Amino acid sequence: HGIWQDKVLQIIVESTRRVCDELNLRLVAEGVSDPRDFQMLDKLGID
């Protein structure tokens, strides 16, 4: 929530995505309701 304008959240989520990629874990973003957050999650590589 609000990741589209929060640099710290972006760093945390991107770091988590990299760890999950290395460990072959599926990463799910839950509670997404704002199109702007969705666009940022897309940019960070969350499928």
All heavy atoms as atom14 arrays in JSON, in Angstrom:
{
  "sequence": "HGIWQDKVLQIIVESTRRVCDELNLRLVAEGVSDPRDFQMLDKLGID",
  "atom14_mask": [
    [1, 1, 1, 1, 1, 1, 1, 1, 1, 1, 0, 0, 0, 0],
    [1, 1, 1, 1, 0, 0, 0, 0, 0, 0, 0, 0, 0, 0],
    [1, 1, 1, 1, 1, 1, 1, 1, 0, 0, 0, 0, 0, 0],
    [1, 1, 1, 1, 1, 1, 1, 1, 1, 1, 1, 1, 1, 1],
    [1, 1, 1, 1, 1, 1, 1, 1, 1, 0, 0, 0, 0, 0],
    [1, 1, 1, 1, 1, 1, 1, 1, 0, 0, 0, 0, 0, 0],
    [1, 1, 1, 1, 1, 1, 1, 1, 1, 0, 0, 0, 0, 0],
    [1, 1, 1, 1, 1, 1, 1, 0, 0, 0, 0, 0, 0, 0],
    [1, 1, 1, 1, 1, 1, 1, 1, 0, 0, 0, 0, 0, 0],
    [1, 1, 1, 1, 1, 1, 1, 1, 1, 0, 0, 0, 0, 0],
    [1, 1, 1, 1, 1, 1, 1, 1, 0, 0, 0, 0, 0, 0],
    [1, 1, 1, 1, 1, 1, 1, 1, 0, 0, 0, 0, 0, 0],
    [1, 1, 1, 1, 1, 1, 1, 0, 0, 0, 0, 0, 0, 0],
    [1, 1, 1, 1, 1, 1, 1, 1, 1, 0, 0, 0, 0, 0],
    [1, 1, 1, 1, 1, 1, 0, 0, 0, 0, 0, 0, 0, 0],
    [1, 1, 1, 1, 1, 1, 1, 0, 0, 0, 0, 0, 0, 0],
    [1, 1, 1, 1, 1, 1, 1, 1, 1, 1, 1, 0, 0, 0],
    [1, 1, 1, 1, 1, 1, 1, 1, 1, 1, 1, 0, 0, 0],
    [1, 1, 1, 1, 1, 1, 1, 0, 0, 0, 0, 0, 0, 0],
    [1, 1, 1, 1, 1, 1, 0, 0, 0, 0, 0, 0, 0, 0],
    [1, 1, 1, 1, 1, 1, 1, 1, 0, 0, 0, 0, 0, 0],
    [1, 1, 1, 1, 1, 1, 1, 1, 1, 0, 0, 0, 0, 0],
    [1, 1, 1, 1, 1, 1, 1, 1, 0, 0, 0, 0, 0, 0],
    [1, 1, 1, 1, 1, 1, 1, 1, 0, 0, 0, 0, 0, 0],
    [1, 1, 1, 1, 1, 1, 1, 1, 0, 0, 0, 0, 0, 0],
    [1, 1, 1, 1, 1, 1, 1, 1, 1, 1, 1, 0, 0, 0],
    [1, 1, 1, 1, 1, 1, 1, 1, 0, 0, 0, 0, 0, 0],
    [1, 1, 1, 1, 1, 1, 1, 0, 0, 0, 0, 0, 0, 0],
    [1, 1, 1, 1, 1, 0, 0, 0, 0, 0, 0, 0, 0, 0],
    [1, 1, 1, 1, 1, 1, 1, 1, 1, 0, 0, 0, 0, 0],
    [1, 1, 1, 1, 0, 0, 0, 0, 0, 0, 0, 0, 0, 0],
    [1, 1, 1, 1, 1, 1, 1, 0, 0, 0, 0, 0, 0, 0],
    [1, 1, 1, 1, 1, 1, 0, 0, 0, 0, 0, 0, 0, 0],
    [1, 1, 1, 1, 1, 1, 1, 1, 0, 0, 0, 0, 0, 0],
    [1, 1, 1, 1, 1, 1, 1, 0, 0, 0, 0, 0, 0, 0],
    [1, 1, 1, 1, 1, 1, 1, 1, 1, 1, 1, 0, 0, 0],
    [1, 1, 1, 1, 1, 1, 1, 1, 0, 0, 0, 0, 0, 0],
    [1, 1, 1, 1, 1, 1, 1, 1, 1, 1, 1, 0, 0, 0],
    [1, 1, 1, 1, 1, 1, 1, 1, 1, 0, 0, 0, 0, 0],
    [1, 1, 1, 1, 1, 1, 1, 1, 0, 0, 0, 0, 0, 0],
    [1, 1, 1, 1, 1, 1, 1, 1, 0, 0, 0, 0, 0, 0],
    [1, 1, 1, 1, 1, 1, 1, 1, 0, 0, 0, 0, 0, 0],
    [1, 1, 1, 1, 1, 1, 1, 1, 1, 0, 0, 0, 0, 0],
    [1, 1, 1, 1, 1, 1, 1, 1, 0, 0, 0, 0, 0, 0],
    [1, 1, 1, 1, 0, 0, 0, 0, 0, 0, 0, 0, 0, 0],
    [1, 1, 1, 1, 1, 1, 1, 1, 0, 0, 0, 0, 0, 0],
    [1, 1, 1, 1, 1, 1, 1, 1, 0, 0, 0, 0, 0, 0]
  ],
  "atom14_positions": [
    [[0.84, -1.2, 0.0], [0.0, 0.0, 0.0], [0.87, 1.26, 0.0], [1.68, 1.48, 0.9], [-0.91, 0.01, 1.23], [-1.82, 1.2, 1.28], [-2.82, 1.41, 0.36], [-1.86, 2.25, 2.14], [-3.45, 2.53, 0.65], [-2.89, 3.06, 1.72], [0.0, 0.0, 0.0], [0.0, 0.0, 0.0], [0.0, 0.0, 0.0], [0.0, 0.0, 0.0]],
    [[0.74, 2.05, -1.03], [1.51, 3.29, -1.13], [2.92, 3.1, -1.66], [3.72, 4.04, -1.64], [0.0, 0.0, 0.0], [0.0, 0.0, 0.0], [0.0, 0.0, 0.0], [0.0, 0.0, 0.0], [0.0, 0.0, 0.0], [0.0, 0.0, 0.0], [0.0, 0.0, 0.0], [0.0, 0.0, 0.0], [0.0, 0.0, 0.0], [0.0, 0.0, 0.0]],
    [[3.22, 1.91, -2.17], [4.58, 1.63, -2.65], [4.94, 2.51, -3.84], [6.13, 2.77, -4.09], [4.73, 0.14, -3.0], [6.2, -0.22, -3.18], [3.92, -0.24, -4.23], [6.47, -1.69, -3.36], [0.0, 0.0, 0.0], [0.0, 0.0, 0.0], [0.0, 0.0, 0.0], [0.0, 0.0, 0.0], [0.0, 0.0, 0.0], [0.0, 0.0, 0.0]],
    [[3.97, 3.0, -4.57], [4.24, 3.82, -5.74], [4.98, 5.11, -5.4], [5.68, 5.69, -6.24], [2.95, 4.14, -6.49], [2.01, 5.05, -5.75], [1.1, 4.68, -4.81], [1.88, 6.47, -5.9], [0.4, 5.77, -4.34], [0.87, 6.89, -5.0], [2.53, 7.42, -6.69], [0.49, 8.21, -4.87], [2.14, 8.75, -6.56], [1.14, 9.14, -5.67]],
    [[4.85, 5.55, -4.13], [5.5, 6.79, -3.74], [6.44, 6.63, -2.54], [6.87, 7.62, -1.95], [4.45, 7.85, -3.41], [3.52, 7.45, -2.27], [2.49, 8.49, -1.93], [2.55, 9.62, -2.45], [1.53, 8.17, -1.07], [0.0, 0.0, 0.0], [0.0, 0.0, 0.0], [0.0, 0.0, 0.0], [0.0, 0.0, 0.0], [0.0, 0.0, 0.0]],
    [[6.75, 5.39, -2.16], [7.58, 5.12, -0.98], [8.84, 4.38, -1.42], [8.81, 3.19, -1.71], [6.79, 4.28, 0.04], [7.48, 4.2, 1.39], [8.71, 4.06, 1.41], [6.78, 4.25, 2.43], [0.0, 0.0, 0.0], [0.0, 0.0, 0.0], [0.0, 0.0, 0.0], [0.0, 0.0, 0.0], [0.0, 0.0, 0.0], [0.0, 0.0, 0.0]],
    [[9.97, 5.08, -1.43], [11.22, 4.5, -1.9], [11.69, 3.34, -1.03], [12.23, 2.35, -1.53], [12.3, 5.59, -1.93], [13.61, 5.15, -2.57], [13.43, 4.81, -4.04], [14.76, 4.43, -4.68], [14.56, 4.02, -6.1], [0.0, 0.0, 0.0], [0.0, 0.0, 0.0], [0.0, 0.0, 0.0], [0.0, 0.0, 0.0], [0.0, 0.0, 0.0]],
    [[11.48, 3.45, 0.29], [11.92, 2.38, 1.2], [11.15, 1.1, 0.92], [11.72, 0.01, 0.85], [11.75, 2.81, 2.67], [12.08, 1.64, 3.61], [12.64, 3.99, 2.99], [0.0, 0.0, 0.0], [0.0, 0.0, 0.0], [0.0, 0.0, 0.0], [0.0, 0.0, 0.0], [0.0, 0.0, 0.0], [0.0, 0.0, 0.0], [0.0, 0.0, 0.0]],
    [[9.83, 1.22, 0.74], [9.03, 0.03, 0.4], [9.5, -0.58, -0.91], [9.56, -1.8, -1.05], [7.54, 0.4, 0.31], [6.79, 0.67, 1.61], [5.33, 1.01, 1.31], [6.88, -0.51, 2.54], [0.0, 0.0, 0.0], [0.0, 0.0, 0.0], [0.0, 0.0, 0.0], [0.0, 0.0, 0.0], [0.0, 0.0, 0.0], [0.0, 0.0, 0.0]],
    [[9.82, 0.25, -1.86], [10.29, -0.25, -3.15], [11.58, -1.06, -2.99], [11.75, -2.12, -3.59], [10.52, 0.92, -4.11], [9.24, 1.63, -4.52], [9.5, 2.96, -5.22], [10.58, 3.19, -5.79], [8.52, 3.85, -5.19], [0.0, 0.0, 0.0], [0.0, 0.0, 0.0], [0.0, 0.0, 0.0], [0.0, 0.0, 0.0], [0.0, 0.0, 0.0]],
    [[12.5, -0.56, -2.14], [13.76, -1.26, -1.92], [13.52, -2.61, -1.24], [14.1, -3.63, -1.6], [14.71, -0.38, -1.06], [15.14, 0.84, -1.86], [15.93, -1.19, -0.61], [15.89, 1.87, -1.03], [0.0, 0.0, 0.0], [0.0, 0.0, 0.0], [0.0, 0.0, 0.0], [0.0, 0.0, 0.0], [0.0, 0.0, 0.0], [0.0, 0.0, 0.0]],
    [[12.62, -2.61, -0.24], [12.32, -3.84, 0.5], [11.71, -4.89, -0.43], [12.12, -6.06, -0.44], [11.37, -3.54, 1.68], [12.08, -2.7, 2.74], [10.85, -4.84, 2.3], [11.15, -2.18, 3.82], [0.0, 0.0, 0.0], [0.0, 0.0, 0.0], [0.0, 0.0, 0.0], [0.0, 0.0, 0.0], [0.0, 0.0, 0.0], [0.0, 0.0, 0.0]],
    [[10.71, -4.49, -1.21], [10.03, -5.44, -2.09], [10.96, -5.94, -3.19], [10.98, -7.13, -3.51], [8.76, -4.8, -2.69], [8.17, -5.68, -3.79], [7.72, -4.58, -1.59], [0.0, 0.0, 0.0], [0.0, 0.0, 0.0], [0.0, 0.0, 0.0], [0.0, 0.0, 0.0], [0.0, 0.0, 0.0], [0.0, 0.0, 0.0], [0.0, 0.0, 0.0]],
    [[11.76, -5.04, -3.75], [12.68, -5.47, -4.79], [13.73, -6.45, -4.24], [14.08, -7.44, -4.88], [13.38, -4.27, -5.43], [14.24, -4.66, -6.62], [14.82, -3.46, -7.34], [14.95, -2.38, -6.71], [15.15, -3.6, -8.53], [0.0, 0.0, 0.0], [0.0, 0.0, 0.0], [0.0, 0.0, 0.0], [0.0, 0.0, 0.0], [0.0, 0.0, 0.0]],
    [[14.21, -6.19, -3.01], [15.17, -7.09, -2.39], [14.54, -8.45, -2.13], [15.17, -9.5, -2.34], [15.68, -6.49, -1.08], [16.34, -5.26, -1.3], [0.0, 0.0, 0.0], [0.0, 0.0, 0.0], [0.0, 0.0, 0.0], [0.0, 0.0, 0.0], [0.0, 0.0, 0.0], [0.0, 0.0, 0.0], [0.0, 0.0, 0.0], [0.0, 0.0, 0.0]],
    [[13.3, -8.45, -1.67], [12.58, -9.7, -1.43], [12.4, -10.47, -2.72], [12.57, -11.69, -2.77], [11.22, -9.42, -0.78], [11.39, -8.65, 0.4], [10.5, -10.72, -0.43], [0.0, 0.0, 0.0], [0.0, 0.0, 0.0], [0.0, 0.0, 0.0], [0.0, 0.0, 0.0], [0.0, 0.0, 0.0], [0.0, 0.0, 0.0], [0.0, 0.0, 0.0]],
    [[12.09, -9.75, -3.8], [11.91, -10.4, -5.1], [13.2, -11.05, -5.57], [13.19, -12.18, -6.08], [11.41, -9.37, -6.13], [10.87, -9.97, -7.43], [11.9, -10.02, -8.52], [12.43, -8.7, -8.78], [13.6, -8.48, -9.36], [14.36, -9.48, -9.73], [14.04, -7.25, -9.55], [0.0, 0.0, 0.0], [0.0, 0.0, 0.0], [0.0, 0.0, 0.0]],
    [[14.33, -10.38, -5.35], [15.62, -10.95, -5.76], [15.93, -12.23, -4.98], [16.39, -13.23, -5.54], [16.75, -9.93, -5.57], [16.74, -8.79, -6.59], [18.1, -8.15, -6.69], [18.53, -7.6, -5.4], [18.31, -6.36, -5.0], [17.68, -5.52, -5.81], [18.73, -5.93, -3.83], [0.0, 0.0, 0.0], [0.0, 0.0, 0.0], [0.0, 0.0, 0.0]],
    [[15.66, -12.19, -3.65], [15.89, -13.38, -2.82], [15.0, -14.52, -3.29], [15.45, -15.67, -3.41], [15.62, -13.06, -1.34], [15.63, -14.34, -0.5], [16.66, -12.09, -0.81], [0.0, 0.0, 0.0], [0.0, 0.0, 0.0], [0.0, 0.0, 0.0], [0.0, 0.0, 0.0], [0.0, 0.0, 0.0], [0.0, 0.0, 0.0], [0.0, 0.0, 0.0]],
    [[13.73, -14.23, -3.56], [12.8, -15.27, -4.01], [13.22, -15.85, -5.37], [13.09, -17.06, -5.6], [11.38, -14.71, -4.09], [10.62, -14.42, -2.47], [0.0, 0.0, 0.0], [0.0, 0.0, 0.0], [0.0, 0.0, 0.0], [0.0, 0.0, 0.0], [0.0, 0.0, 0.0], [0.0, 0.0, 0.0], [0.0, 0.0, 0.0], [0.0, 0.0, 0.0]],
    [[13.73, -14.99, -6.25], [14.22, -15.48, -7.55], [15.37, -16.46, -7.35], [15.42, -17.52, -7.99], [14.68, -14.3, -8.41], [13.53, -13.5, -8.98], [12.37, -13.98, -8.9], [13.77, -12.39, -9.5], [0.0, 0.0, 0.0], [0.0, 0.0, 0.0], [0.0, 0.0, 0.0], [0.0, 0.0, 0.0], [0.0, 0.0, 0.0], [0.0, 0.0, 0.0]],
    [[16.28, -16.12, -6.45], [17.45, -16.98, -6.2], [17.04, -18.31, -5.57], [17.66, -19.34, -5.82], [18.44, -16.25, -5.3], [19.13, -15.06, -5.96], [20.02, -14.31, -5.01], [20.22, -14.8, -3.87], [20.54, -13.24, -5.39], [0.0, 0.0, 0.0], [0.0, 0.0, 0.0], [0.0, 0.0, 0.0], [0.0, 0.0, 0.0], [0.0, 0.0, 0.0]],
    [[16.0, -18.27, -4.73], [15.56, -19.47, -4.02], [14.45, -20.21, -4.76], [13.92, -21.2, -4.26], [15.08, -19.1, -2.62], [16.13, -18.48, -1.69], [15.49, -18.08, -0.36], [17.29, -19.44, -1.45], [0.0, 0.0, 0.0], [0.0, 0.0, 0.0], [0.0, 0.0, 0.0], [0.0, 0.0, 0.0], [0.0, 0.0, 0.0], [0.0, 0.0, 0.0]],
    [[14.08, -19.7, -5.95], [13.03, -20.32, -6.77], [11.7, -20.36, -6.01], [10.98, -21.38, -6.02], [13.43, -21.72, -7.21], [12.58, -22.23, -8.36], [12.07, -21.45, -9.16], [12.39, -23.54, -8.43], [0.0, 0.0, 0.0], [0.0, 0.0, 0.0], [0.0, 0.0, 0.0], [0.0, 0.0, 0.0], [0.0, 0.0, 0.0], [0.0, 0.0, 0.0]],
    [[11.35, -19.25, -5.37], [10.09, -19.13, -4.65], [9.15, -18.22, -5.43], [9.57, -17.2, -5.97], [10.32, -18.52, -3.25], [11.27, -19.26, -2.31], [11.47, -18.45, -1.03], [10.73, -20.63, -1.98], [0.0, 0.0, 0.0], [0.0, 0.0, 0.0], [0.0, 0.0, 0.0], [0.0, 0.0, 0.0], [0.0, 0.0, 0.0], [0.0, 0.0, 0.0]],
    [[7.87, -18.59, -5.46], [6.88, -17.7, -6.06], [6.64, -16.53, -5.09], [6.49, -16.73, -3.88], [5.57, -18.43, -6.31], [4.46, -17.51, -6.82], [3.14, -18.24, -6.86], [3.1, -19.21, -7.92], [2.32, -20.28, -7.92], [1.53, -20.53, -6.9], [2.34, -21.12, -8.93], [0.0, 0.0, 0.0], [0.0, 0.0, 0.0], [0.0, 0.0, 0.0]],
    [[6.59, -15.33, -5.63], [6.33, -14.15, -4.82], [4.99, -13.56, -5.22], [4.73, -13.3, -6.39], [7.44, -13.12, -5.02], [7.38, -11.86, -4.14], [7.47, -12.23, -2.66], [8.5, -10.89, -4.5], [0.0, 0.0, 0.0], [0.0, 0.0, 0.0], [0.0, 0.0, 0.0], [0.0, 0.0, 0.0], [0.0, 0.0, 0.0], [0.0, 0.0, 0.0]],
    [[4.13, -13.36, -4.22], [2.77, -12.84, -4.45], [2.62, -11.53, -3.69], [2.95, -11.45, -2.5], [1.7, -13.84, -3.97], [0.3, -13.28, -4.23], [1.88, -15.19, -4.64], [0.0, 0.0, 0.0], [0.0, 0.0, 0.0], [0.0, 0.0, 0.0], [0.0, 0.0, 0.0], [0.0, 0.0, 0.0], [0.0, 0.0, 0.0], [0.0, 0.0, 0.0]],
    [[2.13, -10.52, -4.36], [1.79, -9.26, -3.69], [0.3, -9.3, -3.36], [-0.53, -9.45, -4.26], [2.11, -8.07, -4.58], [0.0, 0.0, 0.0], [0.0, 0.0, 0.0], [0.0, 0.0, 0.0], [0.0, 0.0, 0.0], [0.0, 0.0, 0.0], [0.0, 0.0, 0.0], [0.0, 0.0, 0.0], [0.0, 0.0, 0.0], [0.0, 0.0, 0.0]],
    [[-0.04, -9.18, -2.08], [-1.45, -9.27, -1.7], [-1.97, -7.92, -1.21], [-1.21, -7.04, -0.81], [-1.66, -10.35, -0.64], [-0.94, -10.15, 0.66], [-1.24, -11.25, 1.68], [-2.29, -11.89, 1.55], [-0.44, -11.44, 2.59], [0.0, 0.0, 0.0], [0.0, 0.0, 0.0], [0.0, 0.0, 0.0], [0.0, 0.0, 0.0], [0.0, 0.0, 0.0]],
    [[-3.29, -7.8, -1.27], [-3.92, -6.56, -0.82], [-3.75, -5.4, -1.77], [-3.82, -4.24, -1.37], [0.0, 0.0, 0.0], [0.0, 0.0, 0.0], [0.0, 0.0, 0.0], [0.0, 0.0, 0.0], [0.0, 0.0, 0.0], [0.0, 0.0, 0.0], [0.0, 0.0, 0.0], [0.0, 0.0, 0.0], [0.0, 0.0, 0.0], [0.0, 0.0, 0.0]],
    [[-3.54, -5.69, -3.07], [-3.31, -4.63, -4.05], [-4.66, -4.07, -4.52], [-5.48, -4.81, -5.06], [-2.5, -5.15, -5.25], [-2.26, -4.02, -6.26], [-1.18, -5.74, -4.79], [0.0, 0.0, 0.0], [0.0, 0.0, 0.0], [0.0, 0.0, 0.0], [0.0, 0.0, 0.0], [0.0, 0.0, 0.0], [0.0, 0.0, 0.0], [0.0, 0.0, 0.0]],
    [[-4.86, -2.78, -4.31], [-6.13, -2.16, -4.7], [-5.95, -0.87, -5.48], [-6.9, -0.39, -6.09], [-6.99, -1.89, -3.45], [-6.29, -1.04, -2.54], [0.0, 0.0, 0.0], [0.0, 0.0, 0.0], [0.0, 0.0, 0.0], [0.0, 0.0, 0.0], [0.0, 0.0, 0.0], [0.0, 0.0, 0.0], [0.0, 0.0, 0.0], [0.0, 0.0, 0.0]],
    [[-4.74, -0.32, -5.47], [-4.47, 0.95, -6.14], [-3.71, 0.7, -7.44], [-2.65, 0.07, -7.42], [-3.64, 1.85, -5.21], [-3.52, 3.28, -5.72], [-3.34, 3.47, -6.93], [-3.6, 4.21, -4.89], [0.0, 0.0, 0.0], [0.0, 0.0, 0.0], [0.0, 0.0, 0.0], [0.0, 0.0, 0.0], [0.0, 0.0, 0.0], [0.0, 0.0, 0.0]],
    [[-4.22, 1.19, -8.58], [-3.52, 0.98, -9.86], [-2.09, 1.49, -9.85], [-1.22, 0.93, -10.51], [-4.39, 1.75, -10.86], [-5.74, 1.83, -10.24], [-5.49, 1.91, -8.76], [0.0, 0.0, 0.0], [0.0, 0.0, 0.0], [0.0, 0.0, 0.0], [0.0, 0.0, 0.0], [0.0, 0.0, 0.0], [0.0, 0.0, 0.0], [0.0, 0.0, 0.0]],
    [[-1.83, 2.56, -9.09], [-0.47, 3.11, -9.03], [0.48, 2.14, -8.32], [1.64, 1.99, -8.72], [-0.49, 4.47, -8.34], [-1.27, 5.54, -9.1], [-1.49, 6.77, -8.26], [-2.29, 6.49, -7.07], [-2.67, 7.41, -6.18], [-2.31, 8.68, -6.35], [-3.4, 7.07, -5.15], [0.0, 0.0, 0.0], [0.0, 0.0, 0.0], [0.0, 0.0, 0.0]],
    [[-0.02, 1.49, -7.26], [0.8, 0.48, -6.59], [1.05, -0.7, -7.53], [2.16, -1.24, -7.57], [0.09, -0.02, -5.32], [0.03, 1.04, -4.24], [0.9, 1.93, -4.22], [-0.9, 0.97, -3.4], [0.0, 0.0, 0.0], [0.0, 0.0, 0.0], [0.0, 0.0, 0.0], [0.0, 0.0, 0.0], [0.0, 0.0, 0.0], [0.0, 0.0, 0.0]],
    [[0.03, -1.09, -8.26], [0.17, -2.19, -9.21], [1.23, -1.88, -10.27], [2.07, -2.73, -10.6], [-1.18, -2.48, -9.89], [-1.08, -3.36, -11.09], [-0.7, -4.69, -10.97], [-1.34, -2.86, -12.36], [-0.6, -5.51, -12.08], [-1.23, -3.67, -13.48], [-0.87, -4.99, -13.33], [0.0, 0.0, 0.0], [0.0, 0.0, 0.0], [0.0, 0.0, 0.0]],
    [[1.22, -0.67, -10.78], [2.2, -0.29, -11.79], [3.62, -0.35, -11.23], [4.55, -0.78, -11.92], [1.89, 1.11, -12.31], [0.62, 1.17, -13.16], [0.2, 2.58, -13.51], [0.76, 3.56, -12.99], [-0.78, 2.71, -14.38], [0.0, 0.0, 0.0], [0.0, 0.0, 0.0], [0.0, 0.0, 0.0], [0.0, 0.0, 0.0], [0.0, 0.0, 0.0]],
    [[3.8, 0.06, -9.97], [5.13, -0.01, -9.37], [5.55, -1.45, -9.13], [6.72, -1.82, -9.35], [5.14, 0.79, -8.06], [6.48, 0.74, -7.31], [7.91, 1.24, -8.33], [7.53, 2.98, -8.61], [0.0, 0.0, 0.0], [0.0, 0.0, 0.0], [0.0, 0.0, 0.0], [0.0, 0.0, 0.0], [0.0, 0.0, 0.0], [0.0, 0.0, 0.0]],
    [[4.63, -2.29, -8.66], [4.93, -3.71, -8.45], [5.32, -4.37, -9.77], [6.24, -5.2, -9.81], [3.73, -4.42, -7.82], [3.42, -4.03, -6.37], [2.02, -4.51, -5.98], [4.47, -4.6, -5.42], [0.0, 0.0, 0.0], [0.0, 0.0, 0.0], [0.0, 0.0, 0.0], [0.0, 0.0, 0.0], [0.0, 0.0, 0.0], [0.0, 0.0, 0.0]],
    [[4.64, -3.99, -10.83], [4.99, -4.48, -12.17], [6.41, -4.07, -12.52], [7.22, -4.87, -13.01], [3.98, -3.92, -13.18], [4.27, -4.38, -14.61], [5.01, -5.37, -14.79], [3.77, -3.73, -15.55], [0.0, 0.0, 0.0], [0.0, 0.0, 0.0], [0.0, 0.0, 0.0], [0.0, 0.0, 0.0], [0.0, 0.0, 0.0], [0.0, 0.0, 0.0]],
    [[6.74, -2.83, -12.25], [8.08, -2.3, -12.54], [9.15, -3.04, -11.73], [10.27, -3.23, -12.21], [8.11, -0.81, -12.22], [9.41, -0.12, -12.57], [9.32, 1.38, -12.27], [10.64, 2.07, -12.6], [10.54, 3.54, -12.3], [0.0, 0.0, 0.0], [0.0, 0.0, 0.0], [0.0, 0.0, 0.0], [0.0, 0.0, 0.0], [0.0, 0.0, 0.0]],
    [[8.79, -3.46, -10.51], [9.74, -4.15, -9.64], [9.85, -5.64, -9.95], [10.6, -6.35, -9.3], [9.34, -3.95, -8.18], [9.4, -2.52, -7.65], [8.84, -2.45, -6.25], [10.83, -1.99, -7.68], [0.0, 0.0, 0.0], [0.0, 0.0, 0.0], [0.0, 0.0, 0.0], [0.0, 0.0, 0.0], [0.0, 0.0, 0.0], [0.0, 0.0, 0.0]],
    [[9.06, -6.11, -10.92], [9.17, -7.5, -11.35], [8.27, -8.48, -10.63], [8.51, -9.68, -10.66], [0.0, 0.0, 0.0], [0.0, 0.0, 0.0], [0.0, 0.0, 0.0], [0.0, 0.0, 0.0], [0.0, 0.0, 0.0], [0.0, 0.0, 0.0], [0.0, 0.0, 0.0], [0.0, 0.0, 0.0], [0.0, 0.0, 0.0], [0.0, 0.0, 0.0]],
    [[7.19, -7.98, -9.99], [6.24, -8.87, -9.31], [5.17, -9.29, -10.3], [4.45, -8.45, -10.84], [5.59, -8.16, -8.09], [6.64, -7.49, -7.22], [4.75, -9.15, -7.29], [7.65, -8.44, -6.63], [0.0, 0.0, 0.0], [0.0, 0.0, 0.0], [0.0, 0.0, 0.0], [0.0, 0.0, 0.0], [0.0, 0.0, 0.0], [0.0, 0.0, 0.0]],
    [[5.04, -10.6, -10.52], [4.12, -11.1, -11.55], [2.75, -11.48, -11.0], [1.74, -11.35, -11.69], [4.72, -12.33, -12.24], [6.01, -12.01, -12.97], [6.21, -10.83, -13.32], [6.81, -12.94, -13.2], [0.0, 0.0, 0.0], [0.0, 0.0, 0.0], [0.0, 0.0, 0.0], [0.0, 0.0, 0.0], [0.0, 0.0, 0.0], [0.0, 0.0, 0.0]]
  ]
}
